[in-house]
Amino acid sequence: RFVADFVGQSNWPPVTVRDDGKVEL
């Protein structure tokens, strides 16, 4: 997380990983 945030601009929206492995935003 530190590298991702320190180098370049980034977005960090909250998401949910379902039991079937799918990701929801």
PDB file of all heavy atoms in Angstrom:
ATOM      1  N   ARG A   1       0.830  -1.205   0.000  1.00  0.00           N
ATOM      2  CA  ARG A   1       0.000   0.000   0.000  1.00  0.00           C
ATOM      3  C   ARG A   1       0.867   1.258   0.000  1.00  0.00           C
ATOM      4  O   ARG A   1       0.537   2.254  -0.640  1.00  0.00           O
ATOM      5  CB  ARG A   1      -0.901  -0.016   1.237  1.00  0.00           C
ATOM      6  CG  ARG A   1      -2.065  -0.982   1.162  1.00  0.00           C
ATOM      7  CD  ARG A   1      -3.242  -0.380   0.443  1.00  0.00           C
ATOM      8  NE  ARG A   1      -3.760   0.761   1.165  1.00  0.00           N
ATOM      9  CZ  ARG A   1      -4.660   0.700   2.146  1.00  0.00           C
ATOM     10  NH1 ARG A   1      -5.142  -0.469   2.505  1.00  0.00           N
ATOM     11  NH2 ARG A   1      -5.085   1.784   2.746  1.00  0.00           N
ATOM     12  N   PHE A   2       1.967   1.219   0.749  1.00  0.00           N
ATOM     13  CA  PHE A   2       2.823   2.406   0.803  1.00  0.00           C
ATOM     14  C   PHE A   2       3.373   2.743  -0.572  1.00  0.00           C
ATOM     15  O   PHE A   2       3.347   3.892  -0.994  1.00  0.00           O
ATOM     16  CB  PHE A   2       3.977   2.199   1.788  1.00  0.00           C
ATOM     17  CG  PHE A   2       4.969   3.331   1.753  1.00  0.00           C
ATOM     18  CD1 PHE A   2       4.707   4.510   2.419  1.00  0.00           C
ATOM     19  CD2 PHE A   2       6.141   3.226   1.001  1.00  0.00           C
ATOM     20  CE1 PHE A   2       5.598   5.583   2.352  1.00  0.00           C
ATOM     21  CE2 PHE A   2       7.036   4.281   0.937  1.00  0.00           C
ATOM     22  CZ  PHE A   2       6.763   5.466   1.607  1.00  0.00           C
ATOM     23  N   VAL A   3       3.911   1.758  -1.283  1.00  0.00           N
ATOM     24  CA  VAL A   3       4.480   1.995  -2.613  1.00  0.00           C
ATOM     25  C   VAL A   3       3.408   2.521  -3.557  1.00  0.00           C
ATOM     26  O   VAL A   3       3.624   3.488  -4.305  1.00  0.00           O
ATOM     27  CB  VAL A   3       5.113   0.716  -3.181  1.00  0.00           C
ATOM     28  CG1 VAL A   3       5.605   0.940  -4.609  1.00  0.00           C
ATOM     29  CG2 VAL A   3       6.269   0.259  -2.299  1.00  0.00           C
ATOM     30  N   ALA A   4       2.223   1.904  -3.540  1.00  0.00           N
ATOM     31  CA  ALA A   4       1.136   2.321  -4.418  1.00  0.00           C
ATOM     32  C   ALA A   4       0.752   3.767  -4.174  1.00  0.00           C
ATOM     33  O   ALA A   4       0.459   4.521  -5.114  1.00  0.00           O
ATOM     34  CB  ALA A   4      -0.068   1.414  -4.210  1.00  0.00           C
ATOM     35  N   ASP A   5       0.751   4.185  -2.915  1.00  0.00           N
ATOM     36  CA  ASP A   5       0.325   5.537  -2.562  1.00  0.00           C
ATOM     37  C   ASP A   5       1.434   6.568  -2.728  1.00  0.00           C
ATOM     38  O   ASP A   5       1.180   7.724  -3.055  1.00  0.00           O
ATOM     39  CB  ASP A   5      -0.184   5.554  -1.122  1.00  0.00           C
ATOM     40  CG  ASP A   5      -1.290   6.573  -0.913  1.00  0.00           C
ATOM     41  OD1 ASP A   5      -2.026   6.853  -1.875  1.00  0.00           O
ATOM     42  OD2 ASP A   5      -1.417   7.077   0.215  1.00  0.00           O
ATOM     43  N   PHE A   6       2.691   6.139  -2.512  1.00  0.00           N
ATOM     44  CA  PHE A   6       3.813   7.085  -2.558  1.00  0.00           C
ATOM     45  C   PHE A   6       4.234   7.420  -3.990  1.00  0.00           C
ATOM     46  O   PHE A   6       4.608   8.543  -4.292  1.00  0.00           O
ATOM     47  CB  PHE A   6       5.013   6.512  -1.792  1.00  0.00           C
ATOM     48  CG  PHE A   6       6.204   7.446  -1.755  1.00  0.00           C
ATOM     49  CD1 PHE A   6       6.196   8.561  -0.939  1.00  0.00           C
ATOM     50  CD2 PHE A   6       7.321   7.208  -2.547  1.00  0.00           C
ATOM     51  CE1 PHE A   6       7.281   9.429  -0.910  1.00  0.00           C
ATOM     52  CE2 PHE A   6       8.401   8.065  -2.521  1.00  0.00           C
ATOM     53  CZ  PHE A   6       8.384   9.179  -1.701  1.00  0.00           C
ATOM     54  N   VAL A   7       4.166   6.442  -4.872  1.00  0.00           N
ATOM     55  CA  VAL A   7       4.631   6.633  -6.244  1.00  0.00           C
ATOM     56  C   VAL A   7       3.444   6.930  -7.155  1.00  0.00           C
ATOM     57  O   VAL A   7       2.591   6.069  -7.375  1.00  0.00           O
ATOM     58  CB  VAL A   7       5.385   5.385  -6.750  1.00  0.00           C
ATOM     59  CG1 VAL A   7       5.846   5.584  -8.186  1.00  0.00           C
ATOM     60  CG2 VAL A   7       6.579   5.084  -5.853  1.00  0.00           C
ATOM     61  N   GLY A   8       3.378   8.149  -7.668  1.00  0.00           N
ATOM     62  CA  GLY A   8       2.311   8.524  -8.584  1.00  0.00           C
ATOM     63  C   GLY A   8       1.003   8.836  -7.879  1.00  0.00           C
ATOM     64  O   GLY A   8       0.868   8.729  -6.661  1.00  0.00           O
ATOM     65  N   GLN A   9       0.013   9.256  -8.676  1.00  0.00           N
ATOM     66  CA  GLN A   9      -1.330   9.525  -8.172  1.00  0.00           C
ATOM     67  C   GLN A   9      -2.141   8.231  -8.168  1.00  0.00           C
ATOM     68  O   GLN A   9      -1.944   7.376  -9.028  1.00  0.00           O
ATOM     69  CB  GLN A   9      -2.027  10.562  -9.051  1.00  0.00           C
ATOM     70  CG  GLN A   9      -1.338  11.921  -9.074  1.00  0.00           C
ATOM     71  CD  GLN A   9      -1.421  12.615  -7.725  1.00  0.00           C
ATOM     72  OE1 GLN A   9      -2.442  12.583  -7.059  1.00  0.00           O
ATOM     73  NE2 GLN A   9      -0.324  13.242  -7.318  1.00  0.00           N
ATOM     74  N   SER A  10      -3.065   8.104  -7.239  1.00  0.00           N
ATOM     75  CA  SER A  10      -3.854   6.871  -7.182  1.00  0.00           C
ATOM     76  C   SER A  10      -5.233   7.129  -6.598  1.00  0.00           C
ATOM     77  O   SER A  10      -5.443   8.086  -5.846  1.00  0.00           O
ATOM     78  CB  SER A  10      -3.126   5.801  -6.367  1.00  0.00           C
ATOM     79  OG  SER A  10      -2.778   6.297  -5.089  1.00  0.00           O
ATOM     80  N   ASN A  11      -6.166   6.264  -6.959  1.00  0.00           N
ATOM     81  CA  ASN A  11      -7.516   6.246  -6.393  1.00  0.00           C
ATOM     82  C   ASN A  11      -7.653   5.027  -5.485  1.00  0.00           C
ATOM     83  O   ASN A  11      -7.068   3.975  -5.753  1.00  0.00           O
ATOM     84  CB  ASN A  11      -8.557   6.144  -7.512  1.00  0.00           C
ATOM     85  CG  ASN A  11      -8.604   7.383  -8.380  1.00  0.00           C
ATOM     86  OD1 ASN A  11      -8.970   8.466  -7.928  1.00  0.00           O
ATOM     87  ND2 ASN A  11      -8.228   7.235  -9.644  1.00  0.00           N
ATOM     88  N   TRP A  12      -8.456   5.170  -4.416  1.00  0.00           N
ATOM     89  CA  TRP A  12      -8.625   4.089  -3.445  1.00  0.00           C
ATOM     90  C   TRP A  12     -10.091   3.883  -3.076  1.00  0.00           C
ATOM     91  O   TRP A  12     -10.454   3.906  -1.904  1.00  0.00           O
ATOM     92  CB  TRP A  12      -7.817   4.393  -2.179  1.00  0.00           C
ATOM     93  CG  TRP A  12      -6.338   4.386  -2.372  1.00  0.00           C
ATOM     94  CD1 TRP A  12      -5.521   5.451  -2.577  1.00  0.00           C
ATOM     95  CD2 TRP A  12      -5.495   3.237  -2.385  1.00  0.00           C
ATOM     96  NE1 TRP A  12      -4.218   5.049  -2.707  1.00  0.00           N
ATOM     97  CE2 TRP A  12      -4.164   3.689  -2.595  1.00  0.00           C
ATOM     98  CE3 TRP A  12      -5.726   1.867  -2.238  1.00  0.00           C
ATOM     99  CZ2 TRP A  12      -3.082   2.826  -2.661  1.00  0.00           C
ATOM    100  CZ3 TRP A  12      -4.647   1.007  -2.306  1.00  0.00           C
ATOM    101  CH2 TRP A  12      -3.339   1.489  -2.513  1.00  0.00           C
ATOM    102  N   PRO A  13     -10.977   3.650  -4.034  1.00  0.00           N
ATOM    103  CA  PRO A  13     -12.387   3.454  -3.672  1.00  0.00           C
ATOM    104  C   PRO A  13     -12.602   2.143  -2.917  1.00  0.00           C
ATOM    105  O   PRO A  13     -11.930   1.145  -3.186  1.00  0.00           O
ATOM    106  CB  PRO A  13     -13.089   3.417  -5.029  1.00  0.00           C
ATOM    107  CG  PRO A  13     -12.035   2.946  -5.983  1.00  0.00           C
ATOM    108  CD  PRO A  13     -10.760   3.543  -5.487  1.00  0.00           C
ATOM    109  N   PRO A  14     -13.565   2.131  -1.966  1.00  0.00           N
ATOM    110  CA  PRO A  14     -13.873   0.886  -1.246  1.00  0.00           C
ATOM    111  C   PRO A  14     -14.643  -0.079  -2.138  1.00  0.00           C
ATOM    112  O   PRO A  14     -15.513   0.333  -2.915  1.00  0.00           O
ATOM    113  CB  PRO A  14     -14.742   1.376  -0.082  1.00  0.00           C
ATOM    114  CG  PRO A  14     -15.372   2.635  -0.585  1.00  0.00           C
ATOM    115  CD  PRO A  14     -14.362   3.272  -1.496  1.00  0.00           C
ATOM    116  N   VAL A  15     -14.317  -1.359  -2.034  1.00  0.00           N
ATOM    117  CA  VAL A  15     -15.003  -2.395  -2.799  1.00  0.00           C
ATOM    118  C   VAL A  15     -15.302  -3.567  -1.878  1.00  0.00           C
ATOM    119  O   VAL A  15     -14.800  -3.641  -0.750  1.00  0.00           O
ATOM    120  CB  VAL A  15     -14.160  -2.881  -4.005  1.00  0.00           C
ATOM    121  CG1 VAL A  15     -13.954  -1.754  -5.013  1.00  0.00           C
ATOM    122  CG2 VAL A  15     -12.827  -3.453  -3.545  1.00  0.00           C
ATOM    123  N   THR A  16     -16.120  -4.492  -2.397  1.00  0.00           N
ATOM    124  CA  THR A  16     -16.445  -5.713  -1.662  1.00  0.00           C
ATOM    125  C   THR A  16     -16.096  -6.914  -2.529  1.00  0.00           C
ATOM    126  O   THR A  16     -16.459  -6.967  -3.707  1.00  0.00           O
ATOM    127  CB  THR A  16     -17.936  -5.757  -1.316  1.00  0.00           C
ATOM    128  OG1 THR A  16     -18.267  -4.618  -0.510  1.00  0.00           O
ATOM    129  CG2 THR A  16     -18.277  -7.027  -0.546  1.00  0.00           C
ATOM    130  N   VAL A  17     -15.380  -7.866  -1.941  1.00  0.00           N
ATOM    131  CA  VAL A  17     -15.106  -9.137  -2.617  1.00  0.00           C
ATOM    132  C   VAL A  17     -16.163 -10.137  -2.146  1.00  0.00           C
ATOM    133  O   VAL A  17     -16.247 -10.441  -0.949  1.00  0.00           O
ATOM    134  CB  VAL A  17     -13.695  -9.663  -2.302  1.00  0.00           C
ATOM    135  CG1 VAL A  17     -13.429 -10.949  -3.076  1.00  0.00           C
ATOM    136  CG2 VAL A  17     -12.637  -8.621  -2.632  1.00  0.00           C
ATOM    137  N   ARG A  18     -16.980 -10.608  -3.084  1.00  0.00           N
ATOM    138  CA  ARG A  18     -18.050 -11.547  -2.732  1.00  0.00           C
ATOM    139  C   ARG A  18     -17.479 -12.941  -2.457  1.00  0.00           C
ATOM    140  O   ARG A  18     -16.315 -13.229  -2.760  1.00  0.00           O
ATOM    141  CB  ARG A  18     -19.073 -11.622  -3.869  1.00  0.00           C
ATOM    142  CG  ARG A  18     -19.715 -10.278  -4.179  1.00  0.00           C
ATOM    143  CD  ARG A  18     -20.887 -10.398  -5.135  1.00  0.00           C
ATOM    144  NE  ARG A  18     -20.659 -11.286  -6.271  1.00  0.00           N
ATOM    145  CZ  ARG A  18     -21.007 -11.006  -7.526  1.00  0.00           C
ATOM    146  NH1 ARG A  18     -21.566  -9.840  -7.824  1.00  0.00           N
ATOM    147  NH2 ARG A  18     -20.802 -11.897  -8.487  1.00  0.00           N
ATOM    148  N   ASP A  19     -18.321 -13.802  -1.912  1.00  0.00           N
ATOM    149  CA  ASP A  19     -17.902 -15.180  -1.621  1.00  0.00           C
ATOM    150  C   ASP A  19     -17.498 -15.934  -2.881  1.00  0.00           C
ATOM    151  O   ASP A  19     -16.664 -16.851  -2.823  1.00  0.00           O
ATOM    152  CB  ASP A  19     -19.026 -15.941  -0.912  1.00  0.00           C
ATOM    153  CG  ASP A  19     -19.257 -15.433   0.506  1.00  0.00           C
ATOM    154  OD1 ASP A  19     -18.313 -14.834   1.074  1.00  0.00           O
ATOM    155  OD2 ASP A  19     -20.367 -15.619   1.032  1.00  0.00           O
ATOM    156  N   ASP A  20     -18.072 -15.544  -4.021  1.00  0.00           N
ATOM    157  CA  ASP A  20     -17.711 -16.214  -5.276  1.00  0.00           C
ATOM    158  C   ASP A  20     -16.466 -15.618  -5.922  1.00  0.00           C
ATOM    159  O   ASP A  20     -16.081 -16.001  -7.026  1.00  0.00           O
ATOM    160  CB  ASP A  20     -18.884 -16.184  -6.266  1.00  0.00           C
ATOM    161  CG  ASP A  20     -19.280 -14.759  -6.674  1.00  0.00           C
ATOM    162  OD1 ASP A  20     -18.621 -13.796  -6.207  1.00  0.00           O
ATOM    163  OD2 ASP A  20     -20.241 -14.606  -7.458  1.00  0.00           O
ATOM    164  N   GLY A  21     -15.813 -14.645  -5.236  1.00  0.00           N
ATOM    165  CA  GLY A  21     -14.582 -14.044  -5.745  1.00  0.00           C
ATOM    166  C   GLY A  21     -14.791 -12.839  -6.622  1.00  0.00           C
ATOM    167  O   GLY A  21     -13.812 -12.150  -6.973  1.00  0.00           O
ATOM    168  N   LYS A  22     -16.014 -12.520  -6.982  1.00  0.00           N
ATOM    169  CA  LYS A  22     -16.299 -11.342  -7.801  1.00  0.00           C
ATOM    170  C   LYS A  22     -16.161 -10.072  -6.964  1.00  0.00           C
ATOM    171  O   LYS A  22     -16.400 -10.078  -5.747  1.00  0.00           O
ATOM    172  CB  LYS A  22     -17.703 -11.416  -8.398  1.00  0.00           C
ATOM    173  CG  LYS A  22     -17.960 -12.664  -9.248  1.00  0.00           C
ATOM    174  CD  LYS A  22     -17.097 -12.702 -10.491  1.00  0.00           C
ATOM    175  CE  LYS A  22     -17.461 -13.884 -11.378  1.00  0.00           C
ATOM    176  NZ  LYS A  22     -16.600 -13.961 -12.575  1.00  0.00           N
ATOM    177  N   VAL A  23     -15.784  -8.982  -7.629  1.00  0.00           N
ATOM    178  CA  VAL A  23     -15.550  -7.715  -6.939  1.00  0.00           C
ATOM    179  C   VAL A  23     -16.648  -6.732  -7.312  1.00  0.00           C
ATOM    180  O   VAL A  23     -16.973  -6.566  -8.493  1.00  0.00           O
ATOM    181  CB  VAL A  23     -14.164  -7.137  -7.302  1.00  0.00           C
ATOM    182  CG1 VAL A  23     -13.949  -5.793  -6.606  1.00  0.00           C
ATOM    183  CG2 VAL A  23     -13.064  -8.115  -6.912  1.00  0.00           C
ATOM    184  N   GLU A  24     -17.187  -6.035  -6.310  1.00  0.00           N
ATOM    185  CA  GLU A  24     -18.233  -5.047  -6.549  1.00  0.00           C
ATOM    186  C   GLU A  24     -17.785  -3.666  -6.101  1.00  0.00           C
ATOM    187  O   GLU A  24     -17.233  -3.508  -5.009  1.00  0.00           O
ATOM    188  CB  GLU A  24     -19.510  -5.422  -5.801  1.00  0.00           C
ATOM    189  CG  GLU A  24     -20.272  -6.580  -6.413  1.00  0.00           C
ATOM    190  CD  GLU A  24     -21.630  -6.780  -5.758  1.00  0.00           C
ATOM    191  OE1 GLU A  24     -21.948  -6.044  -4.801  1.00  0.00           O
ATOM    192  OE2 GLU A  24     -22.372  -7.678  -6.208  1.00  0.00           O
ATOM    193  N   LEU A  25     -18.024  -2.684  -6.946  1.00  0.00           N
ATOM    194  CA  LEU A  25     -17.799  -1.275  -6.643  1.00  0.00           C
ATOM    195  C   LEU A  25     -19.146  -0.570  -6.735  1.00  0.00           C
ATOM    196  O   LEU A  25     -19.757  -0.544  -7.807  1.00  0.00           O
ATOM    197  CB  LEU A  25     -16.798  -0.661  -7.625  1.00  0.00           C
ATOM    198  CG  LEU A  25     -16.650   0.864  -7.598  1.00  0.00           C
ATOM    199  CD1 LEU A  25     -16.130   1.334  -6.241  1.00  0.00           C
ATOM    200  CD2 LEU A  25     -15.706   1.337  -8.704  1.00  0.00           C
TER     201      LEU A  25
END
